[in-house]
Amino acid sequence: MKKLIAILLLFALTLAGCASEPDSNVGHILKYHHKIAATAAIFFTLKFPRFCISFPKTCLSFPKLMLLPKNSVIMTVSRWLKNLLNRRIFHMKKLIAILLLFALTLAVAGCASELTEPKDTPVRVATLSRGHANANVPKSLEEAIKRADLIVDLTITEWLGEDLEGRTTFFNARINETIMGEKKESITLMQTGTGEFTLWDWPLFKNGDRLFLFLVEILPEDAERLDKIYAGGYWVVGSYTTVFDVQELDENIYLLSRFGFMDTWPEKNYIEETDENITRVLVENFNKSDPIVAEVRGVHRSAYSYESFEKVIAEILKEVERQ
């Protein structure tokens, strides 16, 4: 019976370790130390209950060995405690049941962590093998629109995983607004780089990032190579060159041009640019929320009105449709 309980306990702890989130405190303990915990649990399940009974009995025999009077207080207490043990108040089975209940509680906690804590990007900037992007940079806003299948305002909600061979990381992203393309509630966003390889000045996204992006759907040949969970993913047009960080200030929404390529586009003259003071506050607020991107040189040199940017895109789309 004890062996069966021990096996069940090991199974419960192992299940908790496999199902839990590695980034959570409970998940980290179970994920990387569940074997040690299981070994300890088996030992205590098999040996500790017997120890809890034998050791007190041995200790309670000391008064008798000391030849104390039978009616003394110490002997009276000793006999009373022995009677409790003999009635099996600390019965082995009860202790085993308590240990098993504790293990099952850990298993539930490990599984629950997966539901409550979405995975965030474990490594945003790799320490080795960083390189430069060979991006096909759009020469204008019109070109970026024509190359895009989807233009959206989105928020990163979860890190899904990475393809080390293809040097690609995958994120789940919630769509806040669709400016162009098929309306979706969420998409799989793909970014060049992994925990082992990232491009210079191009940190991986993290949970909570709100971005305005021009996206192109994954090519069929790439979809066949990747796991089915990533099918239907989207790349950013021109890699990092068309990335805008969405920021709110005083109930107004602005776009911070991540790397300033918007400054070279001819349509810049038709988009309302914010004054220096507002831009400075927006950049300061962003840097507090993402110190990793803040360390990148030359980011966020300019900011634009979200509403004005949308209007210009709408006008360009009408012109494209006429063509």
C-alpha atoms as a PDB file:
ATOM      1  CA  MET A   1       0.000   0.000   0.000  1.00  0.00           C
ATOM      2  CA  LYS A   2       2.816   2.366   0.891  1.00  0.00           C
ATOM      3  CA  LYS A   3       4.542   1.739  -2.421  1.00  0.00           C
ATOM      4  CA  LEU A   4       1.354   2.530  -4.295  1.00  0.00           C
ATOM      5  CA  ILE A   5       0.960   5.780  -2.367  1.00  0.00           C
ATOM      6  CA  ALA A   6       4.584   6.670  -3.104  1.00  0.00           C
ATOM      7  CA  ILE A   7       4.123   6.050  -6.835  1.00  0.00           C
ATOM      8  CA  LEU A   8       0.976   8.179  -6.868  1.00  0.00           C
ATOM      9  CA  LEU A   9       2.823  10.927  -5.041  1.00  0.00           C
ATOM     10  CA  LEU A  10       5.681  10.849  -7.537  1.00  0.00           C
ATOM     11  CA  PHE A  11       3.206  10.967 -10.412  1.00  0.00           C
ATOM     12  CA  ALA A  12       1.377  13.952  -8.915  1.00  0.00           C
ATOM     13  CA  LEU A  13       4.566  15.942  -8.418  1.00  0.00           C
ATOM     14  CA  THR A  14       5.870  15.074 -11.877  1.00  0.00           C
ATOM     15  CA  LEU A  15       2.561  16.098 -13.441  1.00  0.00           C
ATOM     16  CA  ALA A  16       2.697  19.388 -11.581  1.00  0.00           C
ATOM     17  CA  GLY A  17       6.221  20.034 -12.816  1.00  0.00           C
ATOM     18  CA  CYS A  18       5.330  19.304 -16.431  1.00  0.00           C
ATOM     19  CA  ALA A  19       2.118  21.323 -16.464  1.00  0.00           C
ATOM     20  CA  SER A  20       3.281  24.377 -14.548  1.00  0.00           C
ATOM     21  CA  GLU A  21       4.675  27.612 -15.934  1.00  0.00           C
ATOM     22  CA  PRO A  22       8.476  27.774 -15.727  1.00  0.00           C
ATOM     23  CA  ASP A  23       8.327  31.563 -15.243  1.00  0.00           C
ATOM     24  CA  SER A  24       6.101  31.438 -12.168  1.00  0.00           C
ATOM     25  CA  ASN A  25       7.484  30.842  -8.668  1.00  0.00           C
ATOM     26  CA  VAL A  26       5.490  27.643  -8.160  1.00  0.00           C
ATOM     27  CA  GLY A  27       6.181  26.508 -11.708  1.00  0.00           C
ATOM     28  CA  HIS A  28       9.921  27.118 -11.380  1.00  0.00           C
ATOM     29  CA  ILE A  29      10.141  25.008  -8.225  1.00  0.00           C
ATOM     30  CA  LEU A  30       8.077  22.178  -9.671  1.00  0.00           C
ATOM     31  CA  LYS A  31       9.500  22.312 -13.188  1.00  0.00           C
ATOM     32  CA  TYR A  32      13.162  22.072 -12.252  1.00  0.00           C
ATOM     33  CA  HIS A  33      13.074  20.484  -8.790  1.00  0.00           C
ATOM     34  CA  HIS A  34      10.108  18.126  -8.888  1.00  0.00           C
ATOM     35  CA  LYS A  35      12.380  15.054  -9.032  1.00  0.00           C
ATOM     36  CA  ILE A  36      14.098  16.065  -5.814  1.00  0.00           C
ATOM     37  CA  ALA A  37      10.761  16.935  -4.248  1.00  0.00           C
ATOM     38  CA  ALA A  38       9.325  13.579  -5.306  1.00  0.00           C
ATOM     39  CA  THR A  39      12.283  11.677  -3.880  1.00  0.00           C
ATOM     40  CA  ALA A  40      11.934  13.513  -0.579  1.00  0.00           C
ATOM     41  CA  ALA A  41       8.187  12.897  -0.585  1.00  0.00           C
ATOM     42  CA  ILE A  42       8.687   9.157  -1.125  1.00  0.00           C
ATOM     43  CA  PHE A  43      11.215   9.009   1.714  1.00  0.00           C
ATOM     44  CA  PHE A  44       8.942  10.807   4.142  1.00  0.00           C
ATOM     45  CA  THR A  45       5.945   8.787   2.975  1.00  0.00           C
ATOM     46  CA  LEU A  46       7.734   5.510   3.720  1.00  0.00           C
ATOM     47  CA  LYS A  47       9.939   6.430   6.692  1.00  0.00           C
ATOM     48  CA  PHE A  48       8.694   9.616   8.345  1.00  0.00           C
ATOM     49  CA  PRO A  49       5.333   8.321   9.671  1.00  0.00           C
ATOM     50  CA  ARG A  50       7.069   5.414  11.416  1.00  0.00           C
ATOM     51  CA  PHE A  51       9.676   7.831  12.771  1.00  0.00           C
ATOM     52  CA  CYS A  52       6.903  10.093  14.106  1.00  0.00           C
ATOM     53  CA  ILE A  53       5.607   7.177  16.158  1.00  0.00           C
ATOM     54  CA  SER A  54       8.816   5.399  17.211  1.00  0.00           C
ATOM     55  CA  PHE A  55      10.818   8.475  18.174  1.00  0.00           C
ATOM     56  CA  PRO A  56       8.227   9.905  20.634  1.00  0.00           C
ATOM     57  CA  LYS A  57       7.799   6.457  22.196  1.00  0.00           C
ATOM     58  CA  THR A  58      11.548   6.251  22.712  1.00  0.00           C
ATOM     59  CA  CYS A  59      11.628   9.712  24.243  1.00  0.00           C
ATOM     60  CA  LEU A  60       8.702   8.860  26.505  1.00  0.00           C
ATOM     61  CA  SER A  61      10.613   5.853  27.851  1.00  0.00           C
ATOM     62  CA  PHE A  62      13.259   8.100  29.401  1.00  0.00           C
ATOM     63  CA  PRO A  63      11.236   8.908  32.556  1.00  0.00           C
ATOM     64  CA  LYS A  64      10.884   5.181  33.266  1.00  0.00           C
ATOM     65  CA  LEU A  65      14.616   4.654  32.742  1.00  0.00           C
ATOM     66  CA  MET A  66      15.273   7.460  35.177  1.00  0.00           C
ATOM     67  CA  LEU A  67      13.344   5.459  37.860  1.00  0.00           C
ATOM     68  CA  LEU A  68      10.947   8.285  38.592  1.00  0.00           C
ATOM     69  CA  PRO A  69       7.998   7.637  40.904  1.00  0.00           C
ATOM     70  CA  LYS A  70       4.924   6.270  39.144  1.00  0.00           C
ATOM     71  CA  ASN A  71       2.707   9.003  40.558  1.00  0.00           C
ATOM     72  CA  SER A  72       5.005  11.850  39.572  1.00  0.00           C
ATOM     73  CA  VAL A  73       3.774  14.487  37.135  1.00  0.00           C
ATOM     74  CA  ILE A  74       6.347  13.513  34.510  1.00  0.00           C
ATOM     75  CA  MET A  75       5.358   9.842  34.604  1.00  0.00           C
ATOM     76  CA  THR A  76       1.653  10.733  34.474  1.00  0.00           C
ATOM     77  CA  VAL A  77       2.180  12.921  31.379  1.00  0.00           C
ATOM     78  CA  SER A  78       4.391  10.248  29.832  1.00  0.00           C
ATOM     79  CA  ARG A  79       1.734   7.554  30.286  1.00  0.00           C
ATOM     80  CA  TRP A  80      -0.946   9.869  28.859  1.00  0.00           C
ATOM     81  CA  LEU A  81       1.117  10.599  25.735  1.00  0.00           C
ATOM     82  CA  LYS A  82       1.852   6.911  25.254  1.00  0.00           C
ATOM     83  CA  ASN A  83      -1.850   6.164  25.380  1.00  0.00           C
ATOM     84  CA  LEU A  84      -2.427   8.755  22.644  1.00  0.00           C
ATOM     85  CA  LEU A  85       0.176   7.086  20.460  1.00  0.00           C
ATOM     86  CA  ASN A  86      -1.256   3.643  21.145  1.00  0.00           C
ATOM     87  CA  ARG A  87      -4.676   4.864  20.051  1.00  0.00           C
ATOM     88  CA  ARG A  88      -2.932   5.720  16.755  1.00  0.00           C
ATOM     89  CA  ILE A  89      -3.859   9.381  16.769  1.00  0.00           C
ATOM     90  CA  PHE A  90      -0.668   9.823  14.749  1.00  0.00           C
ATOM     91  CA  HIS A  91      -1.432   6.808  12.631  1.00  0.00           C
ATOM     92  CA  MET A  92       0.822   6.220   9.664  1.00  0.00           C
ATOM     93  CA  LYS A  93      -2.053   6.199   7.204  1.00  0.00           C
ATOM     94  CA  LYS A  94      -3.200   9.619   8.298  1.00  0.00           C
ATOM     95  CA  LEU A  95       0.246  11.073   7.733  1.00  0.00           C
ATOM     96  CA  ILE A  96       0.434   9.436   4.316  1.00  0.00           C
ATOM     97  CA  ALA A  97      -2.971  10.880   3.425  1.00  0.00           C
ATOM     98  CA  ILE A  98      -1.821  14.355   4.479  1.00  0.00           C
ATOM     99  CA  LEU A  99       1.328  14.089   2.352  1.00  0.00           C
ATOM    100  CA  LEU A 100      -0.647  12.863  -0.638  1.00  0.00           C
ATOM    101  CA  LEU A 101      -3.152  15.702  -0.255  1.00  0.00           C
ATOM    102  CA  PHE A 102      -0.274  18.178  -0.161  1.00  0.00           C
ATOM    103  CA  ALA A 103       1.223  16.695  -3.341  1.00  0.00           C
ATOM    104  CA  LEU A 104      -2.101  16.869  -5.142  1.00  0.00           C
ATOM    105  CA  THR A 105      -2.469  20.494  -4.036  1.00  0.00           C
ATOM    106  CA  LEU A 106       0.908  21.247  -5.600  1.00  0.00           C
ATOM    107  CA  ALA A 107      -0.196  19.515  -8.803  1.00  0.00           C
ATOM    108  CA  VAL A 108      -3.337  21.644  -8.994  1.00  0.00           C
ATOM    109  CA  ALA A 109      -1.305  24.783  -8.317  1.00  0.00           C
ATOM    110  CA  GLY A 110       1.139  23.863 -11.091  1.00  0.00           C
ATOM    111  CA  CYS A 111      -1.648  23.303 -13.610  1.00  0.00           C
ATOM    112  CA  ALA A 112      -3.522  26.428 -12.523  1.00  0.00           C
ATOM    113  CA  SER A 113      -0.456  28.591 -13.096  1.00  0.00           C
ATOM    114  CA  GLU A 114      -0.652  27.781 -16.808  1.00  0.00           C
ATOM    115  CA  LEU A 115      -4.149  29.245 -16.945  1.00  0.00           C
ATOM    116  CA  THR A 116      -3.419  32.391 -14.935  1.00  0.00           C
ATOM    117  CA  GLU A 117       0.047  33.436 -16.070  1.00  0.00           C
ATOM    118  CA  PRO A 118       0.708  33.738 -19.837  1.00  0.00           C
ATOM    119  CA  LYS A 119       4.316  33.127 -20.800  1.00  0.00           C
ATOM    120  CA  ASP A 120       6.390  36.254 -21.279  1.00  0.00           C
ATOM    121  CA  THR A 121       9.519  36.460 -23.423  1.00  0.00           C
ATOM    122  CA  PRO A 122      12.267  34.665 -21.439  1.00  0.00           C
ATOM    123  CA  VAL A 123      15.183  36.347 -23.269  1.00  0.00           C
ATOM    124  CA  ARG A 124      14.709  39.564 -25.256  1.00  0.00           C
ATOM    125  CA  VAL A 125      18.332  40.224 -26.214  1.00  0.00           C
ATOM    126  CA  ALA A 126      20.677  37.320 -26.920  1.00  0.00           C
ATOM    127  CA  THR A 127      24.248  37.578 -25.665  1.00  0.00           C
ATOM    128  CA  LEU A 128      25.765  35.765 -28.651  1.00  0.00           C
ATOM    129  CA  SER A 129      25.550  35.756 -32.458  1.00  0.00           C
ATOM    130  CA  ARG A 130      23.747  39.029 -32.901  1.00  0.00           C
ATOM    131  CA  GLY A 131      23.625  40.400 -36.448  1.00  0.00           C
ATOM    132  CA  HIS A 132      22.040  42.998 -38.685  1.00  0.00           C
ATOM    133  CA  ALA A 133      18.745  42.615 -40.549  1.00  0.00           C
ATOM    134  CA  ASN A 134      18.720  42.407 -44.308  1.00  0.00           C
ATOM    135  CA  ALA A 135      15.370  44.194 -44.519  1.00  0.00           C
ATOM    136  CA  ASN A 136      13.666  45.266 -47.709  1.00  0.00           C
ATOM    137  CA  VAL A 137      12.851  48.738 -46.429  1.00  0.00           C
ATOM    138  CA  PRO A 138       9.709  50.402 -47.881  1.00  0.00           C
ATOM    139  CA  LYS A 139      10.543  53.713 -49.520  1.00  0.00           C
ATOM    140  CA  SER A 140       7.175  55.248 -48.689  1.00  0.00           C
ATOM    141  CA  LEU A 141       4.024  54.777 -46.654  1.00  0.00           C
ATOM    142  CA  GLU A 142       2.209  53.857 -49.860  1.00  0.00           C
ATOM    143  CA  GLU A 143       4.699  51.052 -50.557  1.00  0.00           C
ATOM    144  CA  ALA A 144       4.312  49.734 -46.984  1.00  0.00           C
ATOM    145  CA  ILE A 145       0.524  49.688 -47.413  1.00  0.00           C
ATOM    146  CA  LYS A 146       0.700  47.905 -50.770  1.00  0.00           C
ATOM    147  CA  ARG A 147       2.998  45.220 -49.385  1.00  0.00           C
ATOM    148  CA  ALA A 148       0.846  44.631 -46.287  1.00  0.00           C
ATOM    149  CA  ASP A 149      -1.971  42.089 -45.927  1.00  0.00           C
ATOM    150  CA  LEU A 150      -2.954  43.547 -42.588  1.00  0.00           C
ATOM    151  CA  ILE A 151      -2.505  46.903 -40.859  1.00  0.00           C
ATOM    152  CA  VAL A 152      -3.396  46.752 -37.186  1.00  0.00           C
ATOM    153  CA  ASP A 153      -3.071  48.206 -33.739  1.00  0.00           C
ATOM    154  CA  LEU A 154      -2.296  45.209 -31.488  1.00  0.00           C
ATOM    155  CA  THR A 155      -1.066  44.200 -28.051  1.00  0.00           C
ATOM    156  CA  ILE A 156       1.325  41.315 -27.353  1.00  0.00           C
ATOM    157  CA  THR A 157      -0.377  38.926 -24.914  1.00  0.00           C
ATOM    158  CA  GLU A 158       1.866  35.857 -24.803  1.00  0.00           C
ATOM    159  CA  TRP A 159       5.195  34.403 -25.918  1.00  0.00           C
ATOM    160  CA  LEU A 160       4.338  31.172 -27.743  1.00  0.00           C
ATOM    161  CA  GLY A 161       7.763  29.761 -28.486  1.00  0.00           C
ATOM    162  CA  GLU A 162      10.665  29.919 -30.905  1.00  0.00           C
ATOM    163  CA  ASP A 163      12.128  28.160 -33.913  1.00  0.00           C
ATOM    164  CA  LEU A 164      15.880  28.072 -33.279  1.00  0.00           C
ATOM    165  CA  GLU A 165      16.706  26.748 -36.729  1.00  0.00           C
ATOM    166  CA  GLY A 166      14.625  29.418 -38.462  1.00  0.00           C
ATOM    167  CA  ARG A 167      15.672  32.096 -35.948  1.00  0.00           C
ATOM    168  CA  THR A 168      12.056  33.089 -35.373  1.00  0.00           C
ATOM    169  CA  THR A 169      10.012  33.848 -32.253  1.00  0.00           C
ATOM    170  CA  PHE A 170       6.214  33.595 -32.104  1.00  0.00           C
ATOM    171  CA  PHE A 171       3.773  35.687 -30.096  1.00  0.00           C
ATOM    172  CA  ASN A 172       0.050  35.730 -29.569  1.00  0.00           C
ATOM    173  CA  ALA A 173      -1.301  39.236 -30.177  1.00  0.00           C
ATOM    174  CA  ARG A 174      -4.725  40.714 -29.469  1.00  0.00           C
ATOM    175  CA  ILE A 175      -6.057  43.008 -32.181  1.00  0.00           C
ATOM    176  CA  ASN A 176      -7.183  46.369 -30.802  1.00  0.00           C
ATOM    177  CA  GLU A 177      -8.129  47.891 -34.161  1.00  0.00           C
ATOM    178  CA  THR A 178      -7.912  46.770 -37.777  1.00  0.00           C
ATOM    179  CA  ILE A 179      -7.061  49.587 -40.173  1.00  0.00           C
ATOM    180  CA  MET A 180      -6.739  47.407 -43.280  1.00  0.00           C
ATOM    181  CA  GLY A 181      -7.399  43.741 -44.004  1.00  0.00           C
ATOM    182  CA  GLU A 182      -9.494  40.965 -42.528  1.00  0.00           C
ATOM    183  CA  LYS A 183     -10.762  41.687 -39.023  1.00  0.00           C
ATOM    184  CA  LYS A 184      -9.484  39.198 -36.449  1.00  0.00           C
ATOM    185  CA  GLU A 185      -9.602  38.989 -32.676  1.00  0.00           C
ATOM    186  CA  SER A 186      -6.011  37.772 -32.439  1.00  0.00           C
ATOM    187  CA  ILE A 187      -3.107  36.642 -34.608  1.00  0.00           C
ATOM    188  CA  THR A 188       0.255  34.897 -34.339  1.00  0.00           C
ATOM    189  CA  LEU A 189       2.951  37.525 -34.737  1.00  0.00           C
ATOM    190  CA  MET A 190       6.407  36.446 -35.897  1.00  0.00           C
ATOM    191  CA  GLN A 191       9.661  38.256 -35.187  1.00  0.00           C
ATOM    192  CA  THR A 192      13.183  37.558 -36.361  1.00  0.00           C
ATOM    193  CA  GLY A 193      15.346  36.435 -33.459  1.00  0.00           C
ATOM    194  CA  THR A 194      15.336  33.930 -30.583  1.00  0.00           C
ATOM    195  CA  GLY A 195      16.767  33.596 -27.121  1.00  0.00           C
ATOM    196  CA  GLU A 196      20.013  32.452 -28.770  1.00  0.00           C
ATOM    197  CA  PHE A 197      20.111  34.950 -31.644  1.00  0.00           C
ATOM    198  CA  THR A 198      18.782  38.498 -31.942  1.00  0.00           C
ATOM    199  CA  LEU A 199      19.463  41.277 -34.394  1.00  0.00           C
ATOM    200  CA  TRP A 200      21.382  44.358 -33.388  1.00  0.00           C
ATOM    201  CA  ASP A 201      19.104  46.984 -31.795  1.00  0.00           C
ATOM    202  CA  TRP A 202      16.045  44.741 -32.280  1.00  0.00           C
ATOM    203  CA  PRO A 203      14.969  43.308 -28.880  1.00  0.00           C
ATOM    204  CA  LEU A 204      12.235  40.721 -28.933  1.00  0.00           C
ATOM    205  CA  PHE A 205       8.714  41.893 -28.083  1.00  0.00           C
ATOM    206  CA  LYS A 206       7.266  41.328 -24.617  1.00  0.00           C
ATOM    207  CA  ASN A 207       3.817  40.958 -23.090  1.00  0.00           C
ATOM    208  CA  GLY A 208       1.964  44.250 -22.937  1.00  0.00           C
ATOM    209  CA  ASP A 209       3.694  45.855 -25.944  1.00  0.00           C
ATOM    210  CA  ARG A 210       1.144  47.884 -27.923  1.00  0.00           C
ATOM    211  CA  LEU A 211       2.231  48.261 -31.529  1.00  0.00           C
ATOM    212  CA  PHE A 212       0.987  49.718 -34.794  1.00  0.00           C
ATOM    213  CA  LEU A 213       2.194  47.338 -37.506  1.00  0.00           C
ATOM    214  CA  PHE A 214       2.125  46.671 -41.231  1.00  0.00           C
ATOM    215  CA  LEU A 215       1.937  42.879 -41.569  1.00  0.00           C
ATOM    216  CA  VAL A 216       2.279  40.307 -44.324  1.00  0.00           C
ATOM    217  CA  GLU A 217       0.947  36.764 -43.954  1.00  0.00           C
ATOM    218  CA  ILE A 218       3.410  33.897 -43.713  1.00  0.00           C
ATOM    219  CA  LEU A 219       4.381  32.228 -46.989  1.00  0.00           C
ATOM    220  CA  PRO A 220       2.956  28.718 -47.636  1.00  0.00           C
ATOM    221  CA  GLU A 221       6.418  27.119 -47.735  1.00  0.00           C
ATOM    222  CA  ASP A 222       7.227  28.575 -44.314  1.00  0.00           C
ATOM    223  CA  ALA A 223       3.877  27.419 -42.941  1.00  0.00           C
ATOM    224  CA  GLU A 224       4.674  23.830 -43.964  1.00  0.00           C
ATOM    225  CA  ARG A 225       8.024  23.954 -42.182  1.00  0.00           C
ATOM    226  CA  LEU A 226       6.709  25.374 -38.936  1.00  0.00           C
ATOM    227  CA  ASP A 227       4.539  23.724 -36.314  1.00  0.00           C
ATOM    228  CA  LYS A 228       0.786  23.882 -36.956  1.00  0.00           C
ATOM    229  CA  ILE A 229       0.300  26.115 -33.936  1.00  0.00           C
ATOM    230  CA  TYR A 230       2.074  28.886 -35.838  1.00  0.00           C
ATOM    231  CA  ALA A 231       0.198  28.455 -39.115  1.00  0.00           C
ATOM    232  CA  GLY A 232      -1.375  31.678 -40.328  1.00  0.00           C
ATOM    233  CA  GLY A 233       1.281  33.814 -38.682  1.00  0.00           C
ATOM    234  CA  TYR A 234       2.306  37.294 -39.801  1.00  0.00           C
ATOM    235  CA  TRP A 235       5.647  38.974 -40.398  1.00  0.00           C
ATOM    236  CA  VAL A 236       6.241  42.703 -39.995  1.00  0.00           C
ATOM    237  CA  VAL A 237       6.718  44.373 -43.406  1.00  0.00           C
ATOM    238  CA  GLY A 238      10.352  45.467 -43.735  1.00  0.00           C
ATOM    239  CA  SER A 239      11.287  43.860 -40.404  1.00  0.00           C
ATOM    240  CA  TYR A 240      11.811  46.568 -37.770  1.00  0.00           C
ATOM    241  CA  THR A 241      11.545  49.474 -40.237  1.00  0.00           C
ATOM    242  CA  THR A 242       7.743  49.830 -40.042  1.00  0.00           C
ATOM    243  CA  VAL A 243       7.269  49.403 -36.289  1.00  0.00           C
ATOM    244  CA  PHE A 244       5.400  52.076 -34.316  1.00  0.00           C
ATOM    245  CA  ASP A 245       4.915  52.056 -30.542  1.00  0.00           C
ATOM    246  CA  VAL A 246       1.458  53.201 -29.485  1.00  0.00           C
ATOM    247  CA  GLN A 247       1.398  55.608 -26.535  1.00  0.00           C
ATOM    248  CA  GLU A 248      -1.448  57.409 -24.781  1.00  0.00           C
ATOM    249  CA  LEU A 249      -1.183  60.839 -23.155  1.00  0.00           C
ATOM    250  CA  ASP A 250      -3.989  63.041 -21.835  1.00  0.00           C
ATOM    251  CA  GLU A 251      -6.642  60.904 -23.573  1.00  0.00           C
ATOM    252  CA  ASN A 252      -4.863  61.289 -26.916  1.00  0.00           C
ATOM    253  CA  ILE A 253      -3.120  58.482 -28.812  1.00  0.00           C
ATOM    254  CA  TYR A 254       0.253  58.867 -30.505  1.00  0.00           C
ATOM    255  CA  LEU A 255       2.619  56.762 -32.591  1.00  0.00           C
ATOM    256  CA  LEU A 256       6.319  56.704 -31.784  1.00  0.00           C
ATOM    257  CA  SER A 257       8.325  55.730 -34.844  1.00  0.00           C
ATOM    258  CA  ARG A 258      10.602  53.015 -33.374  1.00  0.00           C
ATOM    259  CA  PHE A 259      13.546  53.582 -35.737  1.00  0.00           C
ATOM    260  CA  GLY A 260      12.593  56.773 -37.529  1.00  0.00           C
ATOM    261  CA  PHE A 261      12.136  55.389 -41.045  1.00  0.00           C
ATOM    262  CA  MET A 262       8.853  57.296 -41.224  1.00  0.00           C
ATOM    263  CA  ASP A 263      10.935  60.480 -41.266  1.00  0.00           C
ATOM    264  CA  THR A 264      12.237  59.565 -44.736  1.00  0.00           C
ATOM    265  CA  TRP A 265       8.815  58.871 -46.261  1.00  0.00           C
ATOM    266  CA  PRO A 266       7.298  61.567 -48.491  1.00  0.00           C
ATOM    267  CA  GLU A 267       3.900  61.209 -46.759  1.00  0.00           C
ATOM    268  CA  LYS A 268       5.439  62.619 -43.576  1.00  0.00           C
ATOM    269  CA  ASN A 269       4.451  66.091 -44.691  1.00  0.00           C
ATOM    270  CA  TYR A 270       0.769  65.129 -44.570  1.00  0.00           C
ATOM    271  CA  ILE A 271       0.814  63.609 -41.086  1.00  0.00           C
ATOM    272  CA  GLU A 272       0.483  65.717 -37.975  1.00  0.00           C
ATOM    273  CA  GLU A 273       3.726  65.548 -36.018  1.00  0.00           C
ATOM    274  CA  THR A 274       3.695  66.272 -32.286  1.00  0.00           C
ATOM    275  CA  ASP A 275       5.693  69.137 -30.797  1.00  0.00           C
ATOM    276  CA  GLU A 276       8.981  68.499 -29.007  1.00  0.00           C
ATOM    277  CA  ASN A 277       7.546  68.716 -25.486  1.00  0.00           C
ATOM    278  CA  ILE A 278       4.873  66.064 -26.102  1.00  0.00           C
ATOM    279  CA  THR A 279       7.379  63.846 -27.889  1.00  0.00           C
ATOM    280  CA  ARG A 280       9.791  64.135 -24.963  1.00  0.00           C
ATOM    281  CA  VAL A 281       7.093  63.122 -22.451  1.00  0.00           C
ATOM    282  CA  LEU A 282       5.986  60.212 -24.650  1.00  0.00           C
ATOM    283  CA  VAL A 283       9.557  58.943 -24.957  1.00  0.00           C
ATOM    284  CA  GLU A 284      10.156  59.290 -21.211  1.00  0.00           C
ATOM    285  CA  ASN A 285       6.999  57.319 -20.441  1.00  0.00           C
ATOM    286  CA  PHE A 286       7.950  54.613 -22.921  1.00  0.00           C
ATOM    287  CA  ASN A 287      11.493  54.323 -21.554  1.00  0.00           C
ATOM    288  CA  LYS A 288      10.118  53.691 -18.068  1.00  0.00           C
ATOM    289  CA  SER A 289       7.944  50.862 -19.377  1.00  0.00           C
ATOM    290  CA  ASP A 290      10.695  49.292 -21.518  1.00  0.00           C
ATOM    291  CA  PRO A 291      14.259  50.078 -20.412  1.00  0.00           C
ATOM    292  CA  ILE A 292      15.655  47.473 -22.830  1.00  0.00           C
ATOM    293  CA  VAL A 293      14.406  49.299 -25.939  1.00  0.00           C
ATOM    294  CA  ALA A 294      15.362  52.581 -24.269  1.00  0.00           C
ATOM    295  CA  GLU A 295      19.017  51.510 -24.452  1.00  0.00           C
ATOM    296  CA  VAL A 296      18.874  51.217 -28.248  1.00  0.00           C
ATOM    297  CA  ARG A 297      20.489  54.199 -29.926  1.00  0.00           C
ATOM    298  CA  GLY A 298      18.424  56.464 -32.143  1.00  0.00           C
ATOM    299  CA  VAL A 299      14.957  55.150 -31.300  1.00  0.00           C
ATOM    300  CA  HIS A 300      11.825  57.297 -31.134  1.00  0.00           C
ATOM    301  CA  ARG A 301      13.125  60.454 -32.760  1.00  0.00           C
ATOM    302  CA  SER A 302       9.629  61.505 -33.753  1.00  0.00           C
ATOM    303  CA  ALA A 303       5.987  61.028 -32.757  1.00  0.00           C
ATOM    304  CA  TYR A 304       2.798  61.381 -34.791  1.00  0.00           C
ATOM    305  CA  SER A 305      -0.888  61.801 -34.161  1.00  0.00           C
ATOM    306  CA  TYR A 306      -2.614  58.410 -34.313  1.00  0.00           C
ATOM    307  CA  GLU A 307      -5.770  59.941 -35.810  1.00  0.00           C
ATOM    308  CA  SER A 308      -3.847  61.869 -38.449  1.00  0.00           C
ATOM    309  CA  PHE A 309      -1.868  58.745 -39.383  1.00  0.00           C
ATOM    310  CA  GLU A 310      -5.085  56.772 -39.852  1.00  0.00           C
ATOM    311  CA  LYS A 311      -6.577  59.442 -42.091  1.00  0.00           C
ATOM    312  CA  VAL A 312      -3.546  59.489 -44.394  1.00  0.00           C
ATOM    313  CA  ILE A 313      -3.633  55.687 -44.651  1.00  0.00           C
ATOM    314  CA  ALA A 314      -7.349  55.810 -45.529  1.00  0.00           C
ATOM    315  CA  GLU A 315      -6.675  58.364 -48.279  1.00  0.00           C
ATOM    316  CA  ILE A 316      -3.841  56.263 -49.707  1.00  0.00           C
ATOM    317  CA  LEU A 317      -6.064  53.157 -49.685  1.00  0.00           C
ATOM    318  CA  LYS A 318      -8.746  55.021 -51.667  1.00  0.00           C
ATOM    319  CA  GLU A 319      -6.130  56.116 -54.187  1.00  0.00           C
ATOM    320  CA  VAL A 320      -4.797  52.556 -54.490  1.00  0.00           C
ATOM    321  CA  GLU A 321      -8.317  51.221 -55.110  1.00  0.00           C
ATOM    322  CA  ARG A 322      -8.809  53.729 -57.954  1.00  0.00           C
ATOM    323  CA  GLN A 323      -5.651  52.454 -59.590  1.00  0.00           C
END
